[in-house]
Amino acid sequence: MDEREVEPFEPPKILGDVFESVMGAVFEDGGIEEVVRVYKHLLSPLIIFVAKHSKVCFKEPKEQFIIKALMQFRIRPQFLINEDPIMREVVSRAQTGDSTFALMYKAEVLFRKDEIMCHSYGNSKRQAERNASVEGLRYLAVHPELMKKELQFI
């Protein structure tokens, strides 16, 4: 199994140190009330932006997959997850070629009349379902012929 993950952005430590030292200086000069006022002023626009746009930018793959399948393809995918984990070989991300075995759950995505669209594995049932959703998005991307055309009225 090929392991994939999104590498999270990690800001340099100095940014956190600068932010803490500025807040410390504000606290020394004006007390906790002034720190709260400055925090509100600095962070309110960021919090509002994240609250407004994070759902659009960072949807869960399962949610994205279901919405895309329903809206663009008019497909209602169903997830079939094995109750018991199976032993599966997991290949290391490193170029060493090492592998190990782990108990993993298998999730299959079914559509139409129980046709299998794709499948994937995960350490938990939720992770298997999420990974299968990512594979489902890839499947839909390479199979545009499944997309339903809009009904045209004469």
N, C-alpha and C. Protein backbone atom coordinates (compact mmCIF):
# COMPACT_ATOMS: atom_id res chain seq x y z
N MET A 1 0.85 -1.18 0.00
CA MET A 1 0.00 0.00 0.00
C MET A 1 0.88 1.23 0.00
N ASP A 2 0.57 2.18 -0.82
CA ASP A 2 1.34 3.40 -0.92
C ASP A 2 0.78 4.41 0.08
N GLU A 3 1.58 4.83 1.04
CA GLU A 3 1.12 5.78 2.05
C GLU A 3 1.19 7.19 1.48
N ARG A 4 0.12 7.95 1.66
CA ARG A 4 0.09 9.34 1.21
C ARG A 4 -0.40 10.19 2.37
N GLU A 5 0.20 11.39 2.50
CA GLU A 5 -0.32 12.32 3.50
C GLU A 5 0.01 13.73 3.08
N VAL A 6 -0.76 14.67 3.55
CA VAL A 6 -0.51 16.07 3.27
C VAL A 6 0.47 16.57 4.32
N GLU A 7 1.52 17.18 3.85
CA GLU A 7 2.50 17.72 4.77
C GLU A 7 1.97 19.05 5.32
N PRO A 8 1.76 19.16 6.61
CA PRO A 8 1.26 20.42 7.16
C PRO A 8 2.35 21.49 7.13
N PHE A 9 1.93 22.74 6.93
CA PHE A 9 2.88 23.85 6.95
C PHE A 9 3.25 24.13 8.40
N GLU A 10 4.50 24.24 8.66
CA GLU A 10 4.96 24.55 10.01
C GLU A 10 5.79 25.84 9.95
N PRO A 11 5.27 26.93 10.53
CA PRO A 11 5.99 28.20 10.46
C PRO A 11 7.28 28.13 11.29
N PRO A 12 8.23 28.97 10.93
CA PRO A 12 9.48 28.99 11.71
C PRO A 12 9.22 29.36 13.17
N LYS A 13 9.99 28.82 14.07
CA LYS A 13 9.82 29.06 15.50
C LYS A 13 9.96 30.53 15.85
N ILE A 14 10.77 31.25 15.09
CA ILE A 14 11.00 32.66 15.41
C ILE A 14 9.71 33.49 15.32
N LEU A 15 8.78 33.10 14.44
CA LEU A 15 7.52 33.83 14.35
C LEU A 15 6.72 33.74 15.65
N GLY A 16 6.68 32.55 16.22
CA GLY A 16 6.00 32.39 17.50
C GLY A 16 6.69 33.15 18.61
N ASP A 17 8.04 33.14 18.59
CA ASP A 17 8.79 33.86 19.61
C ASP A 17 8.53 35.37 19.52
N VAL A 18 8.49 35.91 18.30
CA VAL A 18 8.22 37.35 18.11
C VAL A 18 6.82 37.68 18.60
N PHE A 19 5.84 36.85 18.24
CA PHE A 19 4.46 37.10 18.66
C PHE A 19 4.36 37.09 20.18
N GLU A 20 4.98 36.09 20.82
CA GLU A 20 4.95 36.02 22.29
C GLU A 20 5.64 37.22 22.93
N SER A 21 6.76 37.66 22.39
CA SER A 21 7.47 38.78 23.00
C SER A 21 6.68 40.08 22.84
N VAL A 22 5.99 40.26 21.72
CA VAL A 22 5.15 41.45 21.54
C VAL A 22 4.01 41.42 22.55
N MET A 23 3.36 40.28 22.70
CA MET A 23 2.26 40.19 23.66
C MET A 23 2.77 40.37 25.09
N GLY A 24 3.97 39.88 25.37
CA GLY A 24 4.57 40.09 26.70
C GLY A 24 4.82 41.56 26.97
N ALA A 25 5.30 42.28 25.97
CA ALA A 25 5.55 43.72 26.12
C ALA A 25 4.24 44.47 26.32
N VAL A 26 3.20 44.09 25.59
CA VAL A 26 1.89 44.73 25.75
C VAL A 26 1.38 44.46 27.16
N PHE A 27 1.56 43.25 27.66
CA PHE A 27 1.11 42.91 29.01
C PHE A 27 1.85 43.74 30.06
N GLU A 28 3.15 43.88 29.90
CA GLU A 28 3.95 44.66 30.86
C GLU A 28 3.51 46.12 30.88
N ASP A 29 3.19 46.67 29.71
CA ASP A 29 2.83 48.08 29.63
C ASP A 29 1.37 48.34 30.00
N GLY A 30 0.44 47.43 29.64
CA GLY A 30 -0.96 47.76 29.82
C GLY A 30 -1.79 46.75 30.58
N GLY A 31 -1.23 45.61 30.92
CA GLY A 31 -2.00 44.62 31.66
C GLY A 31 -2.79 43.70 30.74
N ILE A 32 -3.55 42.81 31.39
CA ILE A 32 -4.27 41.77 30.65
C ILE A 32 -5.37 42.34 29.76
N GLU A 33 -6.01 43.42 30.20
CA GLU A 33 -7.09 44.02 29.40
C GLU A 33 -6.53 44.53 28.07
N GLU A 34 -5.35 45.08 28.10
CA GLU A 34 -4.74 45.59 26.87
C GLU A 34 -4.33 44.43 25.95
N VAL A 35 -3.88 43.32 26.53
CA VAL A 35 -3.52 42.14 25.73
C VAL A 35 -4.77 41.63 25.01
N VAL A 36 -5.90 41.55 25.72
CA VAL A 36 -7.14 41.08 25.12
C VAL A 36 -7.56 42.02 23.99
N ARG A 37 -7.43 43.33 24.21
CA ARG A 37 -7.81 44.31 23.17
C ARG A 37 -6.92 44.15 21.93
N VAL A 38 -5.62 43.98 22.13
CA VAL A 38 -4.69 43.84 21.01
C VAL A 38 -4.95 42.51 20.29
N TYR A 39 -5.14 41.42 21.06
CA TYR A 39 -5.45 40.13 20.44
C TYR A 39 -6.70 40.22 19.56
N LYS A 40 -7.75 40.84 20.11
CA LYS A 40 -8.98 40.98 19.34
C LYS A 40 -8.71 41.75 18.05
N HIS A 41 -7.95 42.84 18.15
CA HIS A 41 -7.67 43.66 16.98
C HIS A 41 -6.85 42.89 15.95
N LEU A 42 -5.84 42.13 16.41
CA LEU A 42 -4.96 41.41 15.49
C LEU A 42 -5.61 40.15 14.91
N LEU A 43 -6.33 39.42 15.73
CA LEU A 43 -6.81 38.11 15.32
C LEU A 43 -8.24 38.06 14.79
N SER A 44 -9.06 39.08 15.08
CA SER A 44 -10.45 39.06 14.62
C SER A 44 -10.57 38.89 13.11
N PRO A 45 -9.82 39.66 12.31
CA PRO A 45 -9.94 39.46 10.85
C PRO A 45 -9.57 38.04 10.42
N LEU A 46 -8.55 37.46 11.04
CA LEU A 46 -8.15 36.11 10.70
C LEU A 46 -9.22 35.10 11.08
N ILE A 47 -9.79 35.25 12.28
CA ILE A 47 -10.83 34.33 12.73
C ILE A 47 -12.06 34.42 11.84
N ILE A 48 -12.44 35.63 11.46
CA ILE A 48 -13.60 35.81 10.58
C ILE A 48 -13.32 35.20 9.21
N PHE A 49 -12.12 35.40 8.68
CA PHE A 49 -11.75 34.83 7.38
C PHE A 49 -11.80 33.31 7.42
N VAL A 50 -11.21 32.73 8.45
CA VAL A 50 -11.19 31.27 8.57
C VAL A 50 -12.61 30.72 8.70
N ALA A 51 -13.42 31.38 9.52
CA ALA A 51 -14.80 30.92 9.70
C ALA A 51 -15.58 31.01 8.39
N LYS A 52 -15.29 32.00 7.58
CA LYS A 52 -16.03 32.20 6.34
C LYS A 52 -15.56 31.27 5.22
N HIS A 53 -14.24 31.05 5.13
CA HIS A 53 -13.70 30.34 3.96
C HIS A 53 -13.15 28.94 4.23
N SER A 54 -12.97 28.55 5.47
CA SER A 54 -12.33 27.26 5.72
C SER A 54 -13.19 26.10 5.22
N LYS A 55 -14.49 26.21 5.31
CA LYS A 55 -15.36 25.12 4.86
C LYS A 55 -15.23 24.93 3.36
N VAL A 56 -15.03 26.02 2.62
CA VAL A 56 -14.88 25.94 1.18
C VAL A 56 -13.51 25.38 0.82
N CYS A 57 -12.48 25.83 1.53
CA CYS A 57 -11.10 25.45 1.19
C CYS A 57 -10.72 24.06 1.70
N PHE A 58 -11.21 23.69 2.85
CA PHE A 58 -10.72 22.49 3.51
C PHE A 58 -11.83 21.51 3.85
N LYS A 59 -12.63 21.16 2.88
CA LYS A 59 -13.68 20.18 3.13
C LYS A 59 -13.06 18.81 3.32
N GLU A 60 -13.73 18.01 4.08
CA GLU A 60 -13.31 16.63 4.24
C GLU A 60 -13.46 15.93 2.90
N PRO A 61 -12.53 15.03 2.55
CA PRO A 61 -12.64 14.33 1.27
C PRO A 61 -13.96 13.59 1.08
N LYS A 62 -14.49 13.01 2.16
CA LYS A 62 -15.75 12.28 2.04
C LYS A 62 -16.87 13.23 1.64
N GLU A 63 -16.89 14.40 2.27
CA GLU A 63 -17.92 15.40 1.96
C GLU A 63 -17.77 15.89 0.52
N GLN A 64 -16.54 16.18 0.10
CA GLN A 64 -16.29 16.62 -1.27
C GLN A 64 -16.74 15.55 -2.27
N PHE A 65 -16.40 14.31 -1.99
CA PHE A 65 -16.72 13.21 -2.89
C PHE A 65 -18.22 13.04 -3.03
N ILE A 66 -18.93 13.02 -1.93
CA ILE A 66 -20.38 12.82 -1.98
C ILE A 66 -21.07 13.97 -2.71
N ILE A 67 -20.64 15.20 -2.44
CA ILE A 67 -21.25 16.35 -3.11
C ILE A 67 -20.97 16.30 -4.61
N LYS A 68 -19.72 16.04 -4.98
CA LYS A 68 -19.38 15.98 -6.40
C LYS A 68 -20.12 14.85 -7.10
N ALA A 69 -20.18 13.69 -6.48
CA ALA A 69 -20.85 12.54 -7.09
C ALA A 69 -22.34 12.83 -7.28
N LEU A 70 -22.97 13.45 -6.30
CA LEU A 70 -24.40 13.74 -6.40
C LEU A 70 -24.70 14.86 -7.37
N MET A 71 -23.96 15.96 -7.26
CA MET A 71 -24.29 17.15 -8.03
C MET A 71 -23.86 17.05 -9.50
N GLN A 72 -22.66 16.56 -9.74
CA GLN A 72 -22.14 16.57 -11.11
C GLN A 72 -22.40 15.25 -11.84
N PHE A 73 -22.40 14.14 -11.11
CA PHE A 73 -22.52 12.83 -11.75
C PHE A 73 -23.86 12.16 -11.48
N ARG A 74 -24.61 12.71 -10.56
CA ARG A 74 -25.89 12.12 -10.14
C ARG A 74 -25.72 10.66 -9.73
N ILE A 75 -24.66 10.44 -8.97
CA ILE A 75 -24.35 9.11 -8.43
C ILE A 75 -24.47 9.20 -6.92
N ARG A 76 -25.11 8.23 -6.31
CA ARG A 76 -25.19 8.17 -4.85
C ARG A 76 -24.26 7.05 -4.38
N PRO A 77 -23.01 7.42 -4.02
CA PRO A 77 -22.07 6.38 -3.60
C PRO A 77 -22.43 5.80 -2.24
N GLN A 78 -22.13 4.53 -2.07
CA GLN A 78 -22.33 3.86 -0.79
C GLN A 78 -21.00 3.26 -0.37
N PHE A 79 -20.74 3.31 0.92
CA PHE A 79 -19.49 2.78 1.45
C PHE A 79 -19.75 1.44 2.11
N LEU A 80 -18.92 0.47 1.76
CA LEU A 80 -19.00 -0.85 2.35
C LEU A 80 -17.67 -1.09 3.06
N ILE A 81 -17.73 -1.24 4.37
CA ILE A 81 -16.52 -1.38 5.17
C ILE A 81 -16.53 -2.73 5.86
N ASN A 82 -15.43 -3.46 5.74
CA ASN A 82 -15.31 -4.75 6.41
C ASN A 82 -15.36 -4.55 7.92
N GLU A 83 -16.06 -5.42 8.60
CA GLU A 83 -16.17 -5.33 10.05
C GLU A 83 -14.86 -5.69 10.74
N ASP A 84 -14.13 -6.63 10.17
CA ASP A 84 -12.88 -7.06 10.78
C ASP A 84 -11.69 -6.58 9.95
N PRO A 85 -10.65 -6.10 10.62
CA PRO A 85 -9.47 -5.68 9.87
C PRO A 85 -8.76 -6.89 9.26
N ILE A 86 -8.02 -6.62 8.20
CA ILE A 86 -7.24 -7.67 7.55
C ILE A 86 -5.76 -7.30 7.62
N MET A 87 -4.91 -8.30 7.56
CA MET A 87 -3.47 -8.07 7.57
C MET A 87 -3.07 -7.57 6.18
N ARG A 88 -2.35 -6.45 6.14
CA ARG A 88 -1.99 -5.83 4.86
C ARG A 88 -0.56 -5.33 4.92
N GLU A 89 0.15 -5.46 3.81
CA GLU A 89 1.52 -4.95 3.73
C GLU A 89 1.48 -3.45 3.51
N VAL A 90 2.26 -2.72 4.30
CA VAL A 90 2.35 -1.27 4.20
C VAL A 90 3.76 -0.91 3.79
N VAL A 91 3.89 -0.22 2.66
CA VAL A 91 5.20 0.16 2.14
C VAL A 91 5.61 1.49 2.75
N SER A 92 6.85 1.60 3.15
CA SER A 92 7.37 2.82 3.76
C SER A 92 7.42 3.96 2.75
N ARG A 93 7.23 5.21 3.23
CA ARG A 93 7.36 6.39 2.38
C ARG A 93 8.80 6.62 1.96
N ALA A 94 9.72 6.21 2.78
CA ALA A 94 11.13 6.41 2.48
C ALA A 94 11.52 5.55 1.28
N GLN A 95 12.57 5.94 0.62
CA GLN A 95 13.03 5.25 -0.58
C GLN A 95 13.78 3.95 -0.25
N THR A 96 13.72 3.53 1.00
CA THR A 96 14.46 2.34 1.41
C THR A 96 13.80 1.05 0.93
N GLY A 97 12.52 1.12 0.59
CA GLY A 97 11.82 -0.08 0.13
C GLY A 97 11.36 -0.96 1.27
N ASP A 98 11.49 -0.49 2.50
CA ASP A 98 11.05 -1.26 3.65
C ASP A 98 9.53 -1.37 3.66
N SER A 99 9.05 -2.44 4.22
CA SER A 99 7.62 -2.60 4.38
C SER A 99 7.36 -3.35 5.67
N THR A 100 6.13 -3.22 6.13
CA THR A 100 5.71 -3.90 7.34
C THR A 100 4.28 -4.37 7.14
N PHE A 101 3.78 -5.15 8.05
CA PHE A 101 2.40 -5.62 7.97
C PHE A 101 1.61 -4.99 9.10
N ALA A 102 0.35 -4.64 8.80
CA ALA A 102 -0.51 -4.02 9.80
C ALA A 102 -1.94 -4.49 9.58
N LEU A 103 -2.72 -4.47 10.64
CA LEU A 103 -4.15 -4.75 10.54
C LEU A 103 -4.84 -3.50 10.04
N MET A 104 -5.53 -3.61 8.92
CA MET A 104 -6.19 -2.45 8.33
C MET A 104 -7.60 -2.81 7.89
N TYR A 105 -8.45 -1.80 7.88
CA TYR A 105 -9.83 -1.96 7.42
C TYR A 105 -9.88 -1.63 5.93
N LYS A 106 -10.73 -2.34 5.20
CA LYS A 106 -10.92 -2.10 3.78
C LYS A 106 -12.27 -1.45 3.57
N ALA A 107 -12.29 -0.36 2.80
CA ALA A 107 -13.53 0.32 2.45
C ALA A 107 -13.68 0.31 0.94
N GLU A 108 -14.86 -0.08 0.47
CA GLU A 108 -15.16 -0.07 -0.95
C GLU A 108 -16.26 0.95 -1.20
N VAL A 109 -16.18 1.62 -2.35
CA VAL A 109 -17.21 2.56 -2.75
C VAL A 109 -18.04 1.89 -3.83
N LEU A 110 -19.32 1.75 -3.56
CA LEU A 110 -20.24 1.12 -4.50
C LEU A 110 -21.11 2.19 -5.16
N PHE A 111 -21.43 1.97 -6.45
CA PHE A 111 -22.34 2.86 -7.15
C PHE A 111 -23.14 2.05 -8.15
N ARG A 112 -24.12 2.69 -8.75
CA ARG A 112 -25.05 2.00 -9.65
C ARG A 112 -25.63 0.78 -8.95
N LYS A 113 -25.60 -0.35 -9.58
CA LYS A 113 -26.16 -1.56 -8.96
C LYS A 113 -25.03 -2.38 -8.35
N ASP A 114 -24.50 -1.88 -7.28
CA ASP A 114 -23.44 -2.54 -6.52
C ASP A 114 -22.15 -2.77 -7.30
N GLU A 115 -21.87 -1.88 -8.27
CA GLU A 115 -20.57 -1.92 -8.93
C GLU A 115 -19.55 -1.28 -8.00
N ILE A 116 -18.34 -1.80 -8.00
CA ILE A 116 -17.28 -1.22 -7.16
C ILE A 116 -16.58 -0.13 -7.95
N MET A 117 -16.62 1.09 -7.42
CA MET A 117 -15.95 2.22 -8.04
C MET A 117 -14.47 2.21 -7.69
N CYS A 118 -14.18 2.03 -6.40
CA CYS A 118 -12.81 2.04 -5.92
C CYS A 118 -12.79 1.46 -4.50
N HIS A 119 -11.60 1.28 -3.98
CA HIS A 119 -11.46 0.81 -2.60
C HIS A 119 -10.17 1.38 -2.02
N SER A 120 -10.08 1.33 -0.71
CA SER A 120 -8.87 1.79 -0.04
C SER A 120 -8.83 1.18 1.36
N TYR A 121 -7.73 1.42 2.03
CA TYR A 121 -7.50 0.85 3.35
C TYR A 121 -7.19 1.96 4.34
N GLY A 122 -7.40 1.67 5.62
CA GLY A 122 -7.06 2.62 6.67
C GLY A 122 -6.90 1.92 8.00
N ASN A 123 -6.25 2.61 8.93
CA ASN A 123 -6.03 2.06 10.27
C ASN A 123 -7.32 1.95 11.06
N SER A 124 -8.30 2.77 10.71
CA SER A 124 -9.61 2.72 11.36
C SER A 124 -10.66 2.71 10.26
N LYS A 125 -11.90 2.43 10.63
CA LYS A 125 -12.97 2.43 9.64
C LYS A 125 -13.15 3.82 9.05
N ARG A 126 -13.05 4.82 9.89
CA ARG A 126 -13.19 6.21 9.43
C ARG A 126 -12.08 6.57 8.45
N GLN A 127 -10.86 6.19 8.75
CA GLN A 127 -9.73 6.49 7.87
C GLN A 127 -9.87 5.73 6.56
N ALA A 128 -10.33 4.50 6.60
CA ALA A 128 -10.53 3.72 5.38
C ALA A 128 -11.58 4.39 4.49
N GLU A 129 -12.66 4.87 5.10
CA GLU A 129 -13.72 5.56 4.37
C GLU A 129 -13.19 6.86 3.76
N ARG A 130 -12.38 7.57 4.53
CA ARG A 130 -11.80 8.82 4.03
C ARG A 130 -10.86 8.55 2.86
N ASN A 131 -10.01 7.54 2.99
CA ASN A 131 -9.09 7.20 1.91
C ASN A 131 -9.84 6.73 0.67
N ALA A 132 -10.93 5.98 0.86
CA ALA A 132 -11.74 5.54 -0.27
C ALA A 132 -12.40 6.74 -0.96
N SER A 133 -12.74 7.76 -0.19
CA SER A 133 -13.31 8.98 -0.77
C SER A 133 -12.29 9.70 -1.64
N VAL A 134 -11.05 9.74 -1.20
CA VAL A 134 -9.98 10.35 -2.01
C VAL A 134 -9.83 9.58 -3.32
N GLU A 135 -9.84 8.25 -3.22
CA GLU A 135 -9.74 7.43 -4.43
C GLU A 135 -10.98 7.64 -5.32
N GLY A 136 -12.14 7.82 -4.70
CA GLY A 136 -13.36 8.09 -5.46
C GLY A 136 -13.28 9.40 -6.22
N LEU A 137 -12.71 10.43 -5.60
CA LEU A 137 -12.52 11.71 -6.29
C LEU A 137 -11.60 11.54 -7.50
N ARG A 138 -10.55 10.75 -7.32
CA ARG A 138 -9.64 10.49 -8.43
C ARG A 138 -10.35 9.72 -9.55
N TYR A 139 -11.18 8.77 -9.16
CA TYR A 139 -11.92 7.97 -10.13
C TYR A 139 -12.85 8.86 -10.96
N LEU A 140 -13.58 9.76 -10.28
CA LEU A 140 -14.49 10.66 -10.99
C LEU A 140 -13.72 11.60 -11.93
N ALA A 141 -12.52 12.01 -11.52
CA ALA A 141 -11.72 12.91 -12.34
C ALA A 141 -11.28 12.25 -13.65
N VAL A 142 -11.00 10.96 -13.61
CA VAL A 142 -10.53 10.28 -14.83
C VAL A 142 -11.66 9.60 -15.60
N HIS A 143 -12.89 9.69 -15.11
CA HIS A 143 -14.04 9.11 -15.80
C HIS A 143 -15.13 10.16 -16.02
N PRO A 144 -14.83 11.20 -16.81
CA PRO A 144 -15.86 12.24 -17.03
C PRO A 144 -17.06 11.72 -17.82
N GLU A 145 -16.91 10.58 -18.48
CA GLU A 145 -18.03 10.02 -19.25
C GLU A 145 -19.19 9.60 -18.35
N LEU A 146 -18.93 9.46 -17.04
CA LEU A 146 -20.01 9.12 -16.11
C LEU A 146 -20.89 10.32 -15.78
N MET A 147 -20.40 11.52 -16.12
CA MET A 147 -21.13 12.73 -15.79
C MET A 147 -22.44 12.77 -16.59
N LYS A 148 -23.51 13.05 -15.90
CA LYS A 148 -24.82 13.13 -16.53
C LYS A 148 -24.95 14.49 -17.20
N LYS A 149 -25.42 14.49 -18.43
CA LYS A 149 -25.69 15.73 -19.14
C LYS A 149 -26.99 16.32 -18.62
N GLU A 150 -27.05 17.65 -18.66
CA GLU A 150 -28.28 18.31 -18.24
C GLU A 150 -29.40 17.93 -19.21
N LEU A 151 -30.58 17.79 -18.67
CA LEU A 151 -31.73 17.50 -19.54
C LEU A 151 -32.01 18.71 -20.40
N GLN A 152 -32.14 18.49 -21.68
CA GLN A 152 -32.40 19.60 -22.59
C GLN A 152 -33.85 19.53 -23.03
N PHE A 153 -34.53 20.65 -22.88
CA PHE A 153 -35.94 20.72 -23.26
C PHE A 153 -36.04 21.31 -24.65
N ILE A 154 -36.90 20.74 -25.47
CA ILE A 154 -37.07 21.22 -26.85
C ILE A 154 -38.13 22.28 -26.89
